Amino acid sequence: MEKDNNGNVGLIVASVLIGGIVLIAGFFLLGYIGIMSMEKEQRGYIMLPNNYAVYQSATGGPGPYEIALRSDNNPLVNPNVIEVGWDDRYVFFKRTDGNVEEVGILDTKQNNVKTMKSSEDNVQRLHADFNIPERITMHKVKQLWPDTSHMR
């Protein structure tokens, strides 16, 4: 008795077609992400520890500025960063959101962000919460931008 292989052949053809479609869609998605990342990097960036950077979040700058991983397009710290300071692990920042001014810290090894209302007490509290012995000096992003940014 002969076995009917038509069902198996149809299954193989369907699998190859679906695999091809998924592969093509993957290439388009990777291309889109790559183009978006290149566009962001062409606007310039300030390198921070552990592959983080301060970016201009829109073309035509200067500003507004955001903090994101260089390998990702999603900001970890939303736009309107106005001051920034860092050491080999932590990034301190000050940002505005409407009428509210916030200070915050990004732990670049833990990908953890903590923000508080801007005050000297909260800056000291952030240093204490993250066990940072020395005070990190803050700099206005607009003053750092022309001298330290990697412009393409």
N, C-alpha and C. Protein backbone atom coordinates (compact mmCIF):
# COMPACT_ATOMS: atom_id res chain seq x y z
N MET A 1 0.82 -1.17 0.00
CA MET A 1 0.00 0.00 0.00
C MET A 1 0.86 1.24 0.00
N GLU A 2 0.50 2.19 -0.87
CA GLU A 2 1.27 3.43 -0.96
C GLU A 2 0.67 4.49 -0.05
N LYS A 3 1.58 5.29 0.49
CA LYS A 3 1.16 6.34 1.40
C LYS A 3 0.96 7.63 0.60
N ASP A 4 -0.07 8.42 0.91
CA ASP A 4 -0.36 9.68 0.22
C ASP A 4 0.47 10.79 0.85
N ASN A 5 1.40 11.38 0.08
CA ASN A 5 2.28 12.44 0.58
C ASN A 5 1.77 13.83 0.25
N ASN A 6 0.63 13.97 -0.38
CA ASN A 6 0.12 15.29 -0.75
C ASN A 6 -0.10 16.18 0.46
N GLY A 7 -0.58 15.62 1.56
CA GLY A 7 -0.81 16.40 2.77
C GLY A 7 0.49 16.92 3.36
N ASN A 8 1.53 16.09 3.33
CA ASN A 8 2.83 16.51 3.85
C ASN A 8 3.46 17.59 2.99
N VAL A 9 3.33 17.48 1.69
CA VAL A 9 3.89 18.47 0.77
C VAL A 9 3.19 19.82 0.98
N GLY A 10 1.88 19.80 1.13
CA GLY A 10 1.14 21.04 1.38
C GLY A 10 1.57 21.69 2.68
N LEU A 11 1.80 20.90 3.70
CA LEU A 11 2.25 21.43 4.99
C LEU A 11 3.63 22.05 4.87
N ILE A 12 4.51 21.44 4.14
CA ILE A 12 5.86 21.97 3.93
C ILE A 12 5.80 23.28 3.16
N VAL A 13 5.01 23.34 2.10
CA VAL A 13 4.89 24.56 1.30
C VAL A 13 4.31 25.69 2.15
N ALA A 14 3.30 25.41 2.93
CA ALA A 14 2.70 26.43 3.80
C ALA A 14 3.71 26.92 4.82
N SER A 15 4.48 26.03 5.41
CA SER A 15 5.50 26.42 6.40
C SER A 15 6.57 27.30 5.77
N VAL A 16 7.01 26.97 4.57
CA VAL A 16 8.03 27.78 3.88
C VAL A 16 7.47 29.16 3.56
N LEU A 17 6.23 29.24 3.10
CA LEU A 17 5.63 30.54 2.79
C LEU A 17 5.49 31.40 4.04
N ILE A 18 4.99 30.83 5.11
CA ILE A 18 4.82 31.59 6.35
C ILE A 18 6.19 32.03 6.88
N GLY A 19 7.18 31.14 6.83
CA GLY A 19 8.53 31.48 7.27
C GLY A 19 9.11 32.62 6.45
N GLY A 20 8.89 32.60 5.13
CA GLY A 20 9.38 33.67 4.26
C GLY A 20 8.73 35.01 4.58
N ILE A 21 7.44 34.99 4.82
CA ILE A 21 6.73 36.23 5.17
C ILE A 21 7.24 36.80 6.49
N VAL A 22 7.41 35.93 7.48
CA VAL A 22 7.93 36.38 8.78
C VAL A 22 9.34 36.93 8.63
N LEU A 23 10.17 36.30 7.85
CA LEU A 23 11.54 36.76 7.62
C LEU A 23 11.56 38.12 6.95
N ILE A 24 10.75 38.33 5.94
CA ILE A 24 10.68 39.62 5.26
C ILE A 24 10.17 40.70 6.21
N ALA A 25 9.14 40.40 6.98
CA ALA A 25 8.61 41.37 7.94
C ALA A 25 9.68 41.73 8.97
N GLY A 26 10.45 40.76 9.41
CA GLY A 26 11.54 41.00 10.36
C GLY A 26 12.59 41.93 9.79
N PHE A 27 12.96 41.75 8.53
CA PHE A 27 13.93 42.64 7.89
C PHE A 27 13.41 44.07 7.82
N PHE A 28 12.14 44.23 7.48
CA PHE A 28 11.56 45.58 7.43
C PHE A 28 11.54 46.22 8.81
N LEU A 29 11.18 45.46 9.83
CA LEU A 29 11.15 45.99 11.19
C LEU A 29 12.55 46.40 11.66
N LEU A 30 13.53 45.54 11.42
CA LEU A 30 14.91 45.89 11.80
C LEU A 30 15.40 47.11 11.04
N GLY A 31 15.05 47.20 9.77
CA GLY A 31 15.43 48.38 8.98
C GLY A 31 14.81 49.64 9.52
N TYR A 32 13.55 49.59 9.90
CA TYR A 32 12.87 50.76 10.46
C TYR A 32 13.52 51.19 11.77
N ILE A 33 13.79 50.24 12.65
CA ILE A 33 14.43 50.55 13.93
C ILE A 33 15.82 51.14 13.69
N GLY A 34 16.56 50.58 12.76
CA GLY A 34 17.89 51.08 12.44
C GLY A 34 17.85 52.50 11.90
N ILE A 35 16.90 52.80 11.04
CA ILE A 35 16.77 54.15 10.48
C ILE A 35 16.41 55.14 11.57
N MET A 36 15.48 54.77 12.47
CA MET A 36 15.09 55.66 13.55
C MET A 36 16.28 55.93 14.48
N SER A 37 17.06 54.90 14.76
CA SER A 37 18.22 55.06 15.63
C SER A 37 19.27 55.95 14.97
N MET A 38 19.50 55.76 13.68
CA MET A 38 20.47 56.60 12.96
C MET A 38 20.01 58.05 12.94
N GLU A 39 18.72 58.27 12.75
CA GLU A 39 18.20 59.63 12.72
C GLU A 39 18.44 60.31 14.07
N LYS A 40 18.19 59.60 15.14
CA LYS A 40 18.39 60.17 16.48
C LYS A 40 19.87 60.47 16.71
N GLU A 41 20.75 59.56 16.32
CA GLU A 41 22.18 59.77 16.52
C GLU A 41 22.70 60.92 15.65
N GLN A 42 22.11 61.15 14.49
CA GLN A 42 22.55 62.24 13.63
C GLN A 42 22.22 63.60 14.23
N ARG A 43 21.24 63.67 15.11
CA ARG A 43 20.91 64.93 15.79
C ARG A 43 21.95 65.26 16.85
N GLY A 44 22.78 64.28 17.22
CA GLY A 44 23.82 64.47 18.21
C GLY A 44 23.44 63.84 19.54
N TYR A 45 24.45 63.56 20.35
CA TYR A 45 24.21 62.96 21.65
C TYR A 45 25.40 63.23 22.56
N ILE A 46 25.16 63.17 23.86
CA ILE A 46 26.20 63.27 24.87
C ILE A 46 26.29 61.90 25.52
N MET A 47 27.47 61.28 25.45
CA MET A 47 27.64 59.94 26.02
C MET A 47 27.57 59.97 27.54
N LEU A 48 26.86 59.00 28.07
CA LEU A 48 26.74 58.78 29.50
C LEU A 48 27.25 57.37 29.79
N PRO A 49 27.38 56.98 31.05
CA PRO A 49 27.89 55.63 31.33
C PRO A 49 26.96 54.52 30.84
N ASN A 50 27.58 53.36 30.58
CA ASN A 50 26.88 52.11 30.26
C ASN A 50 25.94 52.24 29.06
N ASN A 51 26.41 52.92 28.04
CA ASN A 51 25.72 53.01 26.75
C ASN A 51 24.43 53.83 26.79
N TYR A 52 24.29 54.74 27.73
CA TYR A 52 23.20 55.70 27.76
C TYR A 52 23.69 56.99 27.13
N ALA A 53 22.75 57.83 26.70
CA ALA A 53 23.12 59.11 26.10
C ALA A 53 21.99 60.11 26.28
N VAL A 54 22.37 61.40 26.24
CA VAL A 54 21.40 62.49 26.18
C VAL A 54 21.21 62.79 24.71
N TYR A 55 19.98 62.78 24.23
CA TYR A 55 19.65 63.04 22.83
C TYR A 55 18.76 64.26 22.71
N GLN A 56 18.84 64.90 21.55
CA GLN A 56 17.79 65.85 21.18
C GLN A 56 16.60 65.01 20.77
N SER A 57 15.44 65.31 21.31
CA SER A 57 14.29 64.47 21.01
C SER A 57 13.56 64.89 19.74
N ALA A 58 13.95 66.01 19.14
CA ALA A 58 13.31 66.46 17.90
C ALA A 58 14.35 67.12 17.01
N THR A 59 14.08 67.14 15.73
CA THR A 59 14.98 67.82 14.80
C THR A 59 14.79 69.32 14.92
N GLY A 60 15.80 70.04 14.50
CA GLY A 60 15.70 71.49 14.49
C GLY A 60 16.20 72.14 15.76
N GLY A 61 16.53 71.41 16.79
CA GLY A 61 17.05 71.82 18.09
C GLY A 61 17.41 73.29 18.19
N PRO A 62 18.00 73.77 19.21
CA PRO A 62 18.47 72.91 20.30
C PRO A 62 17.31 72.47 21.20
N GLY A 63 17.43 71.27 21.68
CA GLY A 63 16.45 70.68 22.60
C GLY A 63 15.14 70.36 21.91
N PRO A 64 14.19 69.83 22.66
CA PRO A 64 14.30 69.34 24.02
C PRO A 64 15.17 68.08 24.07
N TYR A 65 15.67 67.78 25.26
CA TYR A 65 16.62 66.68 25.44
C TYR A 65 16.00 65.57 26.27
N GLU A 66 16.38 64.32 25.95
CA GLU A 66 15.90 63.14 26.66
C GLU A 66 17.08 62.21 26.92
N ILE A 67 16.91 61.25 27.81
CA ILE A 67 17.94 60.27 28.09
C ILE A 67 17.42 58.90 27.68
N ALA A 68 18.24 58.18 26.90
CA ALA A 68 17.84 56.86 26.41
C ALA A 68 19.07 55.99 26.24
N LEU A 69 18.85 54.68 26.16
CA LEU A 69 19.91 53.76 25.77
C LEU A 69 20.24 54.01 24.31
N ARG A 70 21.51 53.92 23.95
CA ARG A 70 21.87 54.14 22.55
C ARG A 70 21.30 53.05 21.65
N SER A 71 21.03 51.87 22.21
CA SER A 71 20.50 50.77 21.41
C SER A 71 18.98 50.74 21.35
N ASP A 72 18.33 51.74 21.92
CA ASP A 72 16.87 51.74 22.01
C ASP A 72 16.34 53.11 21.61
N ASN A 73 15.18 53.16 21.04
CA ASN A 73 14.58 54.43 20.64
C ASN A 73 13.66 55.02 21.69
N ASN A 74 13.37 54.28 22.74
CA ASN A 74 12.43 54.75 23.75
C ASN A 74 13.17 55.49 24.86
N PRO A 75 12.77 56.73 25.13
CA PRO A 75 13.45 57.46 26.20
C PRO A 75 13.17 56.84 27.57
N LEU A 76 14.21 56.78 28.38
CA LEU A 76 14.05 56.32 29.76
C LEU A 76 13.69 57.51 30.64
N VAL A 77 14.21 58.68 30.27
CA VAL A 77 13.86 59.93 30.93
C VAL A 77 13.24 60.81 29.86
N ASN A 78 11.99 61.20 30.05
CA ASN A 78 11.25 61.94 29.04
C ASN A 78 11.88 63.30 28.74
N PRO A 79 11.51 63.88 27.60
CA PRO A 79 12.11 65.15 27.18
C PRO A 79 11.99 66.26 28.22
N ASN A 80 12.73 67.28 27.92
CA ASN A 80 12.85 68.50 28.73
C ASN A 80 13.86 68.34 29.85
N VAL A 81 14.89 67.50 29.63
CA VAL A 81 16.02 67.44 30.56
C VAL A 81 16.79 68.74 30.37
N ILE A 82 17.00 69.48 31.47
CA ILE A 82 17.67 70.77 31.36
C ILE A 82 19.06 70.76 31.99
N GLU A 83 19.29 69.84 32.94
CA GLU A 83 20.61 69.71 33.56
C GLU A 83 20.93 68.23 33.70
N VAL A 84 22.23 67.93 33.66
CA VAL A 84 22.66 66.54 33.77
C VAL A 84 24.05 66.51 34.39
N GLY A 85 24.31 65.45 35.15
CA GLY A 85 25.62 65.18 35.73
C GLY A 85 25.74 63.69 35.94
N TRP A 86 26.96 63.15 35.90
CA TRP A 86 27.11 61.71 36.00
C TRP A 86 28.47 61.31 36.55
N ASP A 87 28.50 60.06 37.04
CA ASP A 87 29.76 59.42 37.38
C ASP A 87 29.80 58.12 36.58
N ASP A 88 30.55 57.13 37.02
CA ASP A 88 30.67 55.91 36.21
C ASP A 88 29.44 55.00 36.26
N ARG A 89 28.47 55.31 37.12
CA ARG A 89 27.26 54.48 37.20
C ARG A 89 25.96 55.28 37.18
N TYR A 90 25.93 56.40 37.87
CA TYR A 90 24.69 57.15 38.07
C TYR A 90 24.63 58.40 37.21
N VAL A 91 23.42 58.73 36.76
CA VAL A 91 23.17 59.95 36.02
C VAL A 91 22.12 60.75 36.79
N PHE A 92 22.52 61.93 37.25
CA PHE A 92 21.57 62.85 37.87
C PHE A 92 21.02 63.74 36.78
N PHE A 93 19.77 64.13 36.90
CA PHE A 93 19.19 65.03 35.90
C PHE A 93 18.14 65.91 36.56
N LYS A 94 17.90 67.02 35.90
CA LYS A 94 16.80 67.91 36.27
C LYS A 94 16.00 68.10 34.99
N ARG A 95 14.69 68.00 35.10
CA ARG A 95 13.82 68.16 33.93
C ARG A 95 12.60 68.96 34.33
N THR A 96 11.96 69.54 33.32
CA THR A 96 10.73 70.27 33.56
C THR A 96 9.59 69.55 32.86
N ASP A 97 8.43 69.62 33.47
CA ASP A 97 7.23 69.05 32.88
C ASP A 97 6.12 70.06 33.14
N GLY A 98 5.94 70.98 32.20
CA GLY A 98 5.00 72.07 32.41
C GLY A 98 5.56 73.02 33.45
N ASN A 99 4.83 73.22 34.52
CA ASN A 99 5.29 74.10 35.60
C ASN A 99 6.03 73.35 36.69
N VAL A 100 6.14 72.03 36.58
CA VAL A 100 6.77 71.21 37.61
C VAL A 100 8.23 70.94 37.22
N GLU A 101 9.13 71.16 38.17
CA GLU A 101 10.54 70.85 37.95
C GLU A 101 10.89 69.64 38.81
N GLU A 102 11.54 68.65 38.19
CA GLU A 102 11.88 67.41 38.88
C GLU A 102 13.39 67.21 38.88
N VAL A 103 13.89 66.54 39.91
CA VAL A 103 15.25 66.01 39.91
C VAL A 103 15.12 64.51 39.93
N GLY A 104 16.11 63.85 39.37
CA GLY A 104 16.03 62.41 39.34
C GLY A 104 17.39 61.79 39.18
N ILE A 105 17.41 60.48 39.31
CA ILE A 105 18.64 59.71 39.16
C ILE A 105 18.33 58.47 38.33
N LEU A 106 19.27 58.14 37.47
CA LEU A 106 19.20 56.92 36.66
C LEU A 106 20.37 56.04 37.08
N ASP A 107 20.05 54.85 37.56
CA ASP A 107 21.08 53.86 37.85
C ASP A 107 21.29 53.08 36.55
N THR A 108 22.40 53.35 35.87
CA THR A 108 22.61 52.78 34.54
C THR A 108 22.91 51.29 34.56
N LYS A 109 23.24 50.73 35.71
CA LYS A 109 23.47 49.28 35.78
C LYS A 109 22.19 48.53 36.08
N GLN A 110 21.25 49.16 36.78
CA GLN A 110 19.99 48.51 37.13
C GLN A 110 18.82 48.97 36.25
N ASN A 111 19.06 49.95 35.36
CA ASN A 111 18.01 50.53 34.52
C ASN A 111 16.85 51.04 35.37
N ASN A 112 17.19 51.70 36.46
CA ASN A 112 16.21 52.17 37.42
C ASN A 112 16.22 53.69 37.45
N VAL A 113 15.05 54.31 37.34
CA VAL A 113 14.94 55.77 37.39
C VAL A 113 14.06 56.14 38.57
N LYS A 114 14.50 57.13 39.33
CA LYS A 114 13.70 57.65 40.44
C LYS A 114 13.67 59.17 40.30
N THR A 115 12.47 59.76 40.35
CA THR A 115 12.34 61.21 40.25
C THR A 115 11.59 61.74 41.47
N MET A 116 11.90 63.00 41.78
CA MET A 116 11.25 63.69 42.90
C MET A 116 11.10 65.15 42.51
N LYS A 117 10.25 65.84 43.23
CA LYS A 117 10.11 67.28 43.02
C LYS A 117 11.46 67.94 43.31
N SER A 118 11.81 68.93 42.51
CA SER A 118 13.12 69.56 42.61
C SER A 118 13.25 70.37 43.91
N SER A 119 14.24 69.97 44.74
CA SER A 119 14.61 70.71 45.94
C SER A 119 15.97 70.20 46.39
N GLU A 120 16.67 71.01 47.15
CA GLU A 120 17.98 70.59 47.65
C GLU A 120 17.85 69.38 48.57
N ASP A 121 16.79 69.33 49.38
CA ASP A 121 16.57 68.17 50.25
C ASP A 121 16.40 66.88 49.44
N ASN A 122 15.66 66.96 48.33
CA ASN A 122 15.45 65.77 47.51
C ASN A 122 16.72 65.34 46.79
N VAL A 123 17.57 66.28 46.40
CA VAL A 123 18.86 65.93 45.79
C VAL A 123 19.69 65.15 46.81
N GLN A 124 19.74 65.64 48.05
CA GLN A 124 20.48 64.94 49.10
C GLN A 124 19.86 63.57 49.39
N ARG A 125 18.55 63.50 49.36
CA ARG A 125 17.85 62.23 49.60
C ARG A 125 18.21 61.21 48.51
N LEU A 126 18.26 61.66 47.24
CA LEU A 126 18.63 60.74 46.16
C LEU A 126 20.06 60.23 46.34
N HIS A 127 20.97 61.12 46.73
CA HIS A 127 22.35 60.68 47.00
C HIS A 127 22.37 59.62 48.10
N ALA A 128 21.59 59.85 49.15
CA ALA A 128 21.54 58.91 50.27
C ALA A 128 20.87 57.59 49.87
N ASP A 129 19.76 57.67 49.14
CA ASP A 129 19.02 56.46 48.73
C ASP A 129 19.88 55.53 47.88
N PHE A 130 20.75 56.11 47.04
CA PHE A 130 21.57 55.31 46.14
C PHE A 130 23.00 55.14 46.65
N ASN A 131 23.25 55.56 47.91
CA ASN A 131 24.57 55.41 48.54
C ASN A 131 25.70 56.00 47.71
N ILE A 132 25.51 57.22 47.23
CA ILE A 132 26.52 57.91 46.45
C ILE A 132 27.28 58.84 47.41
N PRO A 133 28.57 58.54 47.65
CA PRO A 133 29.30 59.31 48.67
C PRO A 133 29.63 60.74 48.24
N GLU A 134 29.95 60.95 46.99
CA GLU A 134 30.34 62.28 46.53
C GLU A 134 29.21 62.91 45.74
N ARG A 135 29.09 64.20 45.87
CA ARG A 135 28.06 64.92 45.13
C ARG A 135 28.42 64.98 43.65
N ILE A 136 27.47 64.67 42.81
CA ILE A 136 27.68 64.73 41.36
C ILE A 136 27.33 66.14 40.90
N THR A 137 28.24 66.75 40.15
CA THR A 137 28.06 68.12 39.68
C THR A 137 27.13 68.14 38.48
N MET A 138 26.16 69.02 38.52
CA MET A 138 25.20 69.16 37.42
C MET A 138 25.69 70.23 36.45
N HIS A 139 25.37 70.02 35.16
CA HIS A 139 25.71 70.97 34.10
C HIS A 139 24.47 71.22 33.26
N LYS A 140 24.29 72.42 32.80
CA LYS A 140 23.17 72.72 31.90
C LYS A 140 23.44 72.03 30.55
N VAL A 141 22.45 71.29 30.07
CA VAL A 141 22.60 70.54 28.83
C VAL A 141 22.94 71.48 27.67
N LYS A 142 22.31 72.63 27.61
CA LYS A 142 22.56 73.57 26.51
C LYS A 142 24.01 74.05 26.50
N GLN A 143 24.66 74.10 27.66
CA GLN A 143 26.06 74.50 27.70
C GLN A 143 26.98 73.35 27.31
N LEU A 144 26.60 72.11 27.64
CA LEU A 144 27.40 70.95 27.26
C LEU A 144 27.27 70.62 25.78
N TRP A 145 26.12 70.89 25.22
CA TRP A 145 25.78 70.37 23.90
C TRP A 145 26.80 70.69 22.81
N PRO A 146 27.15 71.93 22.57
CA PRO A 146 28.05 72.16 21.43
C PRO A 146 29.45 71.58 21.64
N ASP A 147 29.92 71.49 22.87
CA ASP A 147 31.29 71.06 23.12
C ASP A 147 31.46 69.57 23.26
N THR A 148 30.49 68.88 23.81
CA THR A 148 30.66 67.47 24.13
C THR A 148 29.78 66.54 23.32
N SER A 149 28.91 67.06 22.49
CA SER A 149 28.02 66.15 21.76
C SER A 149 28.74 65.59 20.55
N HIS A 150 28.32 64.40 20.19
CA HIS A 150 28.84 63.72 19.01
C HIS A 150 27.90 64.05 17.85
N MET A 151 28.23 65.08 17.12
CA MET A 151 27.40 65.49 15.98
C MET A 151 27.90 64.77 14.74
N ARG A 152 27.00 64.37 13.89
CA ARG A 152 27.39 63.66 12.66
C ARG A 152 27.44 64.62 11.51
